[in-house]
Amino acid sequence: MTDPNADLTADFIEATRSSYDAIAPAYSAEHPDGLGDGPVETGLLTAFAELVRTAADEPQVADVGSGPGYVTARLNALGLQAFGIDLSPHMVALAREAHPRLRFQVGSMTALDVPDATLAGVIALYSTIHVPDAELPGVLAEFHRVLRPGGYVLLAFQASEGEHIHMAERYGQDISLDYYFRTPAEVATYLTEAGLSVYAQARIERQGQQKWGRAFTLAHKPPTAG
């Protein structure tokens, strides 16, 4: 349900954290592997992994907004040194329980606890959707900062033009969670302005009962000159 009176920026980090803490068990039970066996999603993840492995001898990747950890696990199975970062401590605890051999940490994509130019890849599947437009440039600047020259970023998001949805209840829990949907062209512009070069884009139209199509944008940090 759309709430035109919702504050689009204030305290969005804490609101997102507390909301996912509240729904973490139910969300993780419903989405133990949200990618499923979709050939497009699987193919894009495999392509991302291959590009990252080619670009770096030590293909370390941050899964930002890692949730239950299934994407982090898939990336490791594809030969990457992936670790998860999520706002929700409860979600991180569930990811650690489900994938005890992998590393998960609590953190915000607005200020990643990662040194400059150390990652070969950043992946954020359906997590930047909770970031207001005014805050998205700072998030993408963080992705640019932590990437090595030549490193890749893969974003996935619901594709819709200028749509903002506020949810006050999910899984029977009171929450305050905002969703910001964007077109692939808009996301490409944000990435370009952050100094990242768009490499490829893909869009999956609505399937079955889905309300929105989904989009994937792959970009990279240009290698240093010379």
C-alpha atoms as a PDB file:
ATOM      1  CA  MET A   1       0.000   0.000   0.000  1.00  0.00           C
ATOM      2  CA  THR A   2       1.355   3.416  -0.930  1.00  0.00           C
ATOM      3  CA  ASP A   3       1.731   5.933   1.879  1.00  0.00           C
ATOM      4  CA  PRO A   4       2.339   9.426   0.426  1.00  0.00           C
ATOM      5  CA  ASN A   5       2.844  10.814   3.932  1.00  0.00           C
ATOM      6  CA  ALA A   6       5.698   8.503   4.860  1.00  0.00           C
ATOM      7  CA  ASP A   7       9.017  10.221   5.519  1.00  0.00           C
ATOM      8  CA  LEU A   8      11.167   9.005   2.638  1.00  0.00           C
ATOM      9  CA  THR A   9      14.577   9.426   4.242  1.00  0.00           C
ATOM     10  CA  ALA A  10      14.569   9.961   8.019  1.00  0.00           C
ATOM     11  CA  ASP A  11      15.725   6.984  10.065  1.00  0.00           C
ATOM     12  CA  PHE A  12      15.378   4.568   7.143  1.00  0.00           C
ATOM     13  CA  ILE A  13      18.326   2.489   8.346  1.00  0.00           C
ATOM     14  CA  GLU A  14      16.878   1.845  11.800  1.00  0.00           C
ATOM     15  CA  ALA A  15      13.403   1.253  10.370  1.00  0.00           C
ATOM     16  CA  THR A  16      14.757  -1.320   7.915  1.00  0.00           C
ATOM     17  CA  ARG A  17      16.862  -3.009  10.602  1.00  0.00           C
ATOM     18  CA  SER A  18      14.044  -3.321  13.124  1.00  0.00           C
ATOM     19  CA  SER A  19      11.575  -4.482  10.475  1.00  0.00           C
ATOM     20  CA  TYR A  20      13.805  -7.309   9.256  1.00  0.00           C
ATOM     21  CA  ASP A  21      14.643  -8.267  12.831  1.00  0.00           C
ATOM     22  CA  ALA A  22      10.907  -8.679  13.435  1.00  0.00           C
ATOM     23  CA  ILE A  23      10.236 -10.818  10.366  1.00  0.00           C
ATOM     24  CA  ALA A  24      13.567 -12.676  10.117  1.00  0.00           C
ATOM     25  CA  PRO A  25      12.325 -16.174  11.141  1.00  0.00           C
ATOM     26  CA  ALA A  26       9.261 -16.099   8.880  1.00  0.00           C
ATOM     27  CA  TYR A  27      11.155 -14.522   5.983  1.00  0.00           C
ATOM     28  CA  SER A  28      13.972 -17.083   6.213  1.00  0.00           C
ATOM     29  CA  ALA A  29      11.492 -19.949   6.368  1.00  0.00           C
ATOM     30  CA  GLU A  30       9.692 -18.692   3.247  1.00  0.00           C
ATOM     31  CA  HIS A  31      12.903 -17.840   1.364  1.00  0.00           C
ATOM     32  CA  PRO A  32      15.543 -20.469   2.229  1.00  0.00           C
ATOM     33  CA  ASP A  33      16.793 -19.946  -1.348  1.00  0.00           C
ATOM     34  CA  GLY A  34      14.990 -17.086  -3.002  1.00  0.00           C
ATOM     35  CA  LEU A  35      16.722 -17.575  -6.355  1.00  0.00           C
ATOM     36  CA  GLY A  36      15.267 -21.051  -6.830  1.00  0.00           C
ATOM     37  CA  ASP A  37      16.205 -22.702 -10.103  1.00  0.00           C
ATOM     38  CA  GLY A  38      15.344 -19.777 -12.363  1.00  0.00           C
ATOM     39  CA  PRO A  39      17.598 -20.095 -15.420  1.00  0.00           C
ATOM     40  CA  VAL A  40      18.010 -16.331 -15.901  1.00  0.00           C
ATOM     41  CA  GLU A  41      18.857 -15.627 -12.252  1.00  0.00           C
ATOM     42  CA  THR A  42      21.194 -18.616 -12.084  1.00  0.00           C
ATOM     43  CA  GLY A  43      22.852 -17.644 -15.351  1.00  0.00           C
ATOM     44  CA  LEU A  44      23.431 -14.060 -14.250  1.00  0.00           C
ATOM     45  CA  LEU A  45      24.914 -15.161 -10.935  1.00  0.00           C
ATOM     46  CA  THR A  46      27.210 -17.594 -12.774  1.00  0.00           C
ATOM     47  CA  ALA A  47      28.267 -14.880 -15.227  1.00  0.00           C
ATOM     48  CA  PHE A  48      29.004 -12.483 -12.351  1.00  0.00           C
ATOM     49  CA  ALA A  49      31.135 -15.154 -10.645  1.00  0.00           C
ATOM     50  CA  GLU A  50      33.065 -15.882 -13.836  1.00  0.00           C
ATOM     51  CA  LEU A  51      33.780 -12.210 -14.459  1.00  0.00           C
ATOM     52  CA  VAL A  52      34.952 -11.698 -10.871  1.00  0.00           C
ATOM     53  CA  ARG A  53      37.206 -14.768 -10.953  1.00  0.00           C
ATOM     54  CA  THR A  54      38.729 -13.539 -14.196  1.00  0.00           C
ATOM     55  CA  ALA A  55      39.316 -10.057 -12.796  1.00  0.00           C
ATOM     56  CA  ALA A  56      41.069 -11.057  -9.554  1.00  0.00           C
ATOM     57  CA  ASP A  57      43.371 -13.757  -8.211  1.00  0.00           C
ATOM     58  CA  GLU A  58      41.623 -13.470  -4.840  1.00  0.00           C
ATOM     59  CA  PRO A  59      37.954 -13.080  -5.768  1.00  0.00           C
ATOM     60  CA  GLN A  60      36.615 -11.658  -2.514  1.00  0.00           C
ATOM     61  CA  VAL A  61      32.987 -10.550  -2.767  1.00  0.00           C
ATOM     62  CA  ALA A  62      30.572  -8.832  -0.381  1.00  0.00           C
ATOM     63  CA  ASP A  63      26.939  -9.959  -0.516  1.00  0.00           C
ATOM     64  CA  VAL A  64      25.285  -6.757   0.731  1.00  0.00           C
ATOM     65  CA  GLY A  65      21.865  -7.296   2.237  1.00  0.00           C
ATOM     66  CA  SER A  66      22.629 -11.000   2.533  1.00  0.00           C
ATOM     67  CA  GLY A  67      19.508 -11.927   4.503  1.00  0.00           C
ATOM     68  CA  PRO A  68      19.307 -15.699   5.124  1.00  0.00           C
ATOM     69  CA  GLY A  69      22.631 -16.175   3.295  1.00  0.00           C
ATOM     70  CA  TYR A  70      21.587 -18.267   0.309  1.00  0.00           C
ATOM     71  CA  VAL A  71      23.231 -15.943  -2.240  1.00  0.00           C
ATOM     72  CA  THR A  72      26.456 -15.900  -0.200  1.00  0.00           C
ATOM     73  CA  ALA A  73      26.419 -19.702  -0.205  1.00  0.00           C
ATOM     74  CA  ARG A  74      25.845 -19.883  -3.945  1.00  0.00           C
ATOM     75  CA  LEU A  75      28.687 -17.475  -4.631  1.00  0.00           C
ATOM     76  CA  ASN A  76      31.065 -19.580  -2.566  1.00  0.00           C
ATOM     77  CA  ALA A  77      29.932 -22.691  -4.438  1.00  0.00           C
ATOM     78  CA  LEU A  78      30.842 -20.840  -7.645  1.00  0.00           C
ATOM     79  CA  GLY A  79      34.422 -20.382  -6.442  1.00  0.00           C
ATOM     80  CA  LEU A  80      34.257 -16.904  -4.894  1.00  0.00           C
ATOM     81  CA  GLN A  81      35.373 -15.863  -1.411  1.00  0.00           C
ATOM     82  CA  ALA A  82      32.012 -14.392  -0.509  1.00  0.00           C
ATOM     83  CA  PHE A  83      30.874 -13.038   2.837  1.00  0.00           C
ATOM     84  CA  GLY A  84      27.550 -11.541   3.859  1.00  0.00           C
ATOM     85  CA  ILE A  85      26.643  -8.141   5.305  1.00  0.00           C
ATOM     86  CA  ASP A  86      23.171  -7.378   6.611  1.00  0.00           C
ATOM     87  CA  LEU A  87      21.557  -4.646   8.714  1.00  0.00           C
ATOM     88  CA  SER A  88      19.535  -7.110  10.783  1.00  0.00           C
ATOM     89  CA  PRO A  89      21.375  -8.890  13.630  1.00  0.00           C
ATOM     90  CA  HIS A  90      18.592 -11.477  13.743  1.00  0.00           C
ATOM     91  CA  MET A  91      18.951 -12.172  10.026  1.00  0.00           C
ATOM     92  CA  VAL A  92      22.728 -12.483  10.403  1.00  0.00           C
ATOM     93  CA  ALA A  93      22.263 -14.990  13.230  1.00  0.00           C
ATOM     94  CA  LEU A  94      19.959 -17.115  11.062  1.00  0.00           C
ATOM     95  CA  ALA A  95      22.423 -16.969   8.140  1.00  0.00           C
ATOM     96  CA  ARG A  96      25.256 -18.111  10.400  1.00  0.00           C
ATOM     97  CA  GLU A  97      23.092 -20.986  11.642  1.00  0.00           C
ATOM     98  CA  ALA A  98      22.165 -22.061   8.113  1.00  0.00           C
ATOM     99  CA  HIS A  99      25.712 -21.657   6.715  1.00  0.00           C
ATOM    100  CA  PRO A 100      28.122 -22.106   9.640  1.00  0.00           C
ATOM    101  CA  ARG A 101      31.249 -22.262   7.473  1.00  0.00           C
ATOM    102  CA  LEU A 102      30.637 -18.848   5.913  1.00  0.00           C
ATOM    103  CA  ARG A 103      31.208 -15.364   7.298  1.00  0.00           C
ATOM    104  CA  PHE A 104      28.334 -13.003   8.012  1.00  0.00           C
ATOM    105  CA  GLN A 105      28.492  -9.648   9.754  1.00  0.00           C
ATOM    106  CA  VAL A 106      26.116  -6.904  10.791  1.00  0.00           C
ATOM    107  CA  GLY A 107      26.617  -3.718   8.821  1.00  0.00           C
ATOM    108  CA  SER A 108      25.066  -1.010   6.665  1.00  0.00           C
ATOM    109  CA  MET A 109      25.603  -0.487   2.958  1.00  0.00           C
ATOM    110  CA  THR A 110      25.751   3.240   3.700  1.00  0.00           C
ATOM    111  CA  ALA A 111      29.067   2.780   5.542  1.00  0.00           C
ATOM    112  CA  LEU A 112      30.692  -0.566   4.763  1.00  0.00           C
ATOM    113  CA  ASP A 113      33.299  -1.811   7.232  1.00  0.00           C
ATOM    114  CA  VAL A 114      35.595  -2.744   4.346  1.00  0.00           C
ATOM    115  CA  PRO A 115      38.920  -1.111   3.374  1.00  0.00           C
ATOM    116  CA  ASP A 116      39.219   0.842   0.149  1.00  0.00           C
ATOM    117  CA  ALA A 117      39.777  -1.058  -3.117  1.00  0.00           C
ATOM    118  CA  THR A 118      39.853  -4.532  -1.559  1.00  0.00           C
ATOM    119  CA  LEU A 119      36.890  -6.368  -3.102  1.00  0.00           C
ATOM    120  CA  ALA A 120      36.680  -8.002  -6.497  1.00  0.00           C
ATOM    121  CA  GLY A 121      32.901  -7.836  -6.415  1.00  0.00           C
ATOM    122  CA  VAL A 122      29.836  -6.484  -4.666  1.00  0.00           C
ATOM    123  CA  ILE A 123      26.404  -8.029  -5.076  1.00  0.00           C
ATOM    124  CA  ALA A 124      23.179  -6.519  -3.785  1.00  0.00           C
ATOM    125  CA  LEU A 125      20.090  -8.505  -4.720  1.00  0.00           C
ATOM    126  CA  TYR A 126      16.842  -6.782  -3.765  1.00  0.00           C
ATOM    127  CA  SER A 127      18.471  -4.800  -0.945  1.00  0.00           C
ATOM    128  CA  THR A 128      19.005  -1.361  -2.496  1.00  0.00           C
ATOM    129  CA  ILE A 129      15.204  -1.298  -2.923  1.00  0.00           C
ATOM    130  CA  HIS A 130      14.975  -0.115   0.696  1.00  0.00           C
ATOM    131  CA  VAL A 131      17.255   2.880   0.080  1.00  0.00           C
ATOM    132  CA  PRO A 132      15.565   6.237  -0.637  1.00  0.00           C
ATOM    133  CA  ASP A 133      16.578   8.028  -3.811  1.00  0.00           C
ATOM    134  CA  ALA A 134      18.390  10.731  -1.840  1.00  0.00           C
ATOM    135  CA  GLU A 135      20.593   8.134  -0.143  1.00  0.00           C
ATOM    136  CA  LEU A 136      21.300   5.866  -3.133  1.00  0.00           C
ATOM    137  CA  PRO A 137      24.224   7.903  -4.540  1.00  0.00           C
ATOM    138  CA  GLY A 138      26.050   7.522  -1.213  1.00  0.00           C
ATOM    139  CA  VAL A 139      25.456   3.765  -1.202  1.00  0.00           C
ATOM    140  CA  LEU A 140      26.798   3.361  -4.733  1.00  0.00           C
ATOM    141  CA  ALA A 141      29.771   5.554  -3.832  1.00  0.00           C
ATOM    142  CA  GLU A 142      30.510   3.055  -1.043  1.00  0.00           C
ATOM    143  CA  PHE A 143      30.380   0.196  -3.550  1.00  0.00           C
ATOM    144  CA  HIS A 144      32.805   2.122  -5.781  1.00  0.00           C
ATOM    145  CA  ARG A 145      35.101   2.794  -2.808  1.00  0.00           C
ATOM    146  CA  VAL A 146      35.457  -0.837  -1.710  1.00  0.00           C
ATOM    147  CA  LEU A 147      35.875  -2.269  -5.211  1.00  0.00           C
ATOM    148  CA  ARG A 148      39.262  -2.877  -6.728  1.00  0.00           C
ATOM    149  CA  PRO A 149      39.800  -1.299 -10.150  1.00  0.00           C
ATOM    150  CA  GLY A 150      38.183  -3.719 -12.594  1.00  0.00           C
ATOM    151  CA  GLY A 151      35.851  -5.143  -9.929  1.00  0.00           C
ATOM    152  CA  TYR A 152      32.163  -5.815 -10.582  1.00  0.00           C
ATOM    153  CA  VAL A 153      28.866  -4.954  -8.936  1.00  0.00           C
ATOM    154  CA  LEU A 154      25.570  -6.764  -9.600  1.00  0.00           C
ATOM    155  CA  LEU A 155      22.264  -5.235  -8.512  1.00  0.00           C
ATOM    156  CA  ALA A 156      18.797  -6.797  -8.649  1.00  0.00           C
ATOM    157  CA  PHE A 157      15.620  -4.846  -8.039  1.00  0.00           C
ATOM    158  CA  GLN A 158      11.919  -4.704  -8.815  1.00  0.00           C
ATOM    159  CA  ALA A 159      11.514  -2.701 -12.013  1.00  0.00           C
ATOM    160  CA  SER A 160       8.925   0.059 -11.898  1.00  0.00           C
ATOM    161  CA  GLU A 161       8.984   3.801 -12.485  1.00  0.00           C
ATOM    162  CA  GLY A 162       8.886   6.067  -9.460  1.00  0.00           C
ATOM    163  CA  GLU A 163       6.912   3.719  -7.217  1.00  0.00           C
ATOM    164  CA  HIS A 164       7.226   3.953  -3.433  1.00  0.00           C
ATOM    165  CA  ILE A 165       5.495   1.415  -1.193  1.00  0.00           C
ATOM    166  CA  HIS A 166       5.299   1.518   2.592  1.00  0.00           C
ATOM    167  CA  MET A 167       4.468  -1.671   4.487  1.00  0.00           C
ATOM    168  CA  ALA A 168       3.271  -1.509   8.089  1.00  0.00           C
ATOM    169  CA  GLU A 169       2.651  -5.246   8.529  1.00  0.00           C
ATOM    170  CA  ARG A 170       4.186  -8.436   7.216  1.00  0.00           C
ATOM    171  CA  TYR A 171       4.007 -12.013   8.461  1.00  0.00           C
ATOM    172  CA  GLY A 172       1.717 -10.775  11.221  1.00  0.00           C
ATOM    173  CA  GLN A 173       4.386  -8.408  12.570  1.00  0.00           C
ATOM    174  CA  ASP A 174       4.167  -4.627  12.892  1.00  0.00           C
ATOM    175  CA  ILE A 175       6.932  -3.139  10.758  1.00  0.00           C
ATOM    176  CA  SER A 176       7.853   0.077   8.968  1.00  0.00           C
ATOM    177  CA  LEU A 177       9.473  -0.947   5.714  1.00  0.00           C
ATOM    178  CA  ASP A 178       9.775   1.161   2.574  1.00  0.00           C
ATOM    179  CA  TYR A 179      10.356  -0.077  -0.961  1.00  0.00           C
ATOM    180  CA  TYR A 180      11.645   2.169  -3.748  1.00  0.00           C
ATOM    181  CA  PHE A 181      11.252   0.732  -7.234  1.00  0.00           C
ATOM    182  CA  ARG A 182      13.236   2.086 -10.185  1.00  0.00           C
ATOM    183  CA  THR A 183      13.659   1.480 -13.881  1.00  0.00           C
ATOM    184  CA  PRO A 184      16.860  -0.065 -15.276  1.00  0.00           C
ATOM    185  CA  ALA A 185      17.620   3.262 -16.963  1.00  0.00           C
ATOM    186  CA  GLU A 186      17.388   5.106 -13.650  1.00  0.00           C
ATOM    187  CA  VAL A 187      19.670   2.605 -11.925  1.00  0.00           C
ATOM    188  CA  ALA A 188      22.164   2.834 -14.800  1.00  0.00           C
ATOM    189  CA  THR A 189      22.258   6.611 -14.359  1.00  0.00           C
ATOM    190  CA  TYR A 190      22.901   6.310 -10.611  1.00  0.00           C
ATOM    191  CA  LEU A 191      25.729   3.827 -11.246  1.00  0.00           C
ATOM    192  CA  THR A 192      27.330   6.019 -13.908  1.00  0.00           C
ATOM    193  CA  GLU A 193      27.212   9.045 -11.624  1.00  0.00           C
ATOM    194  CA  ALA A 194      28.976   6.970  -8.953  1.00  0.00           C
ATOM    195  CA  GLY A 195      31.867   6.290 -11.347  1.00  0.00           C
ATOM    196  CA  LEU A 196      30.809   2.758 -12.310  1.00  0.00           C
ATOM    197  CA  SER A 197      30.466   1.648 -15.937  1.00  0.00           C
ATOM    198  CA  VAL A 198      27.363  -0.324 -16.876  1.00  0.00           C
ATOM    199  CA  TYR A 199      28.357  -3.635 -18.468  1.00  0.00           C
ATOM    200  CA  ALA A 200      25.021  -5.398 -18.997  1.00  0.00           C
ATOM    201  CA  GLN A 201      21.354  -5.224 -18.074  1.00  0.00           C
ATOM    202  CA  ALA A 202      18.570  -7.812 -18.058  1.00  0.00           C
ATOM    203  CA  ARG A 203      14.868  -7.622 -17.277  1.00  0.00           C
ATOM    204  CA  ILE A 204      12.440 -10.400 -16.391  1.00  0.00           C
ATOM    205  CA  GLU A 205       8.812  -9.489 -16.995  1.00  0.00           C
ATOM    206  CA  ARG A 206       6.106 -10.329 -14.466  1.00  0.00           C
ATOM    207  CA  GLN A 207       5.506 -14.049 -14.063  1.00  0.00           C
ATOM    208  CA  GLY A 208       2.373 -15.625 -12.606  1.00  0.00           C
ATOM    209  CA  GLN A 209       1.148 -13.710  -9.568  1.00  0.00           C
ATOM    210  CA  GLN A 210       4.121 -11.344  -9.429  1.00  0.00           C
ATOM    211  CA  LYS A 211       3.151  -7.666  -9.251  1.00  0.00           C
ATOM    212  CA  TRP A 212       6.366  -6.295 -10.739  1.00  0.00           C
ATOM    213  CA  GLY A 213       8.992  -7.265 -13.221  1.00  0.00           C
ATOM    214  CA  ARG A 214      12.568  -7.686 -12.021  1.00  0.00           C
ATOM    215  CA  ALA A 215      15.765  -6.205 -13.370  1.00  0.00           C
ATOM    216  CA  PHE A 216      19.476  -6.903 -13.047  1.00  0.00           C
ATOM    217  CA  THR A 217      22.249  -4.432 -13.736  1.00  0.00           C
ATOM    218  CA  LEU A 218      25.916  -5.429 -13.921  1.00  0.00           C
ATOM    219  CA  ALA A 219      28.548  -2.705 -13.729  1.00  0.00           C
ATOM    220  CA  HIS A 220      32.265  -2.481 -13.104  1.00  0.00           C
ATOM    221  CA  LYS A 221      34.794  -0.081 -11.696  1.00  0.00           C
ATOM    222  CA  PRO A 222      37.033   1.029 -14.557  1.00  0.00           C
ATOM    223  CA  PRO A 223      40.617  -0.243 -14.321  1.00  0.00           C
ATOM    224  CA  THR A 224      43.310   2.283 -13.610  1.00  0.00           C
ATOM    225  CA  ALA A 225      44.827   3.915 -16.673  1.00  0.00           C
ATOM    226  CA  GLY A 226      47.961   2.350 -18.000  1.00  0.00           C
END
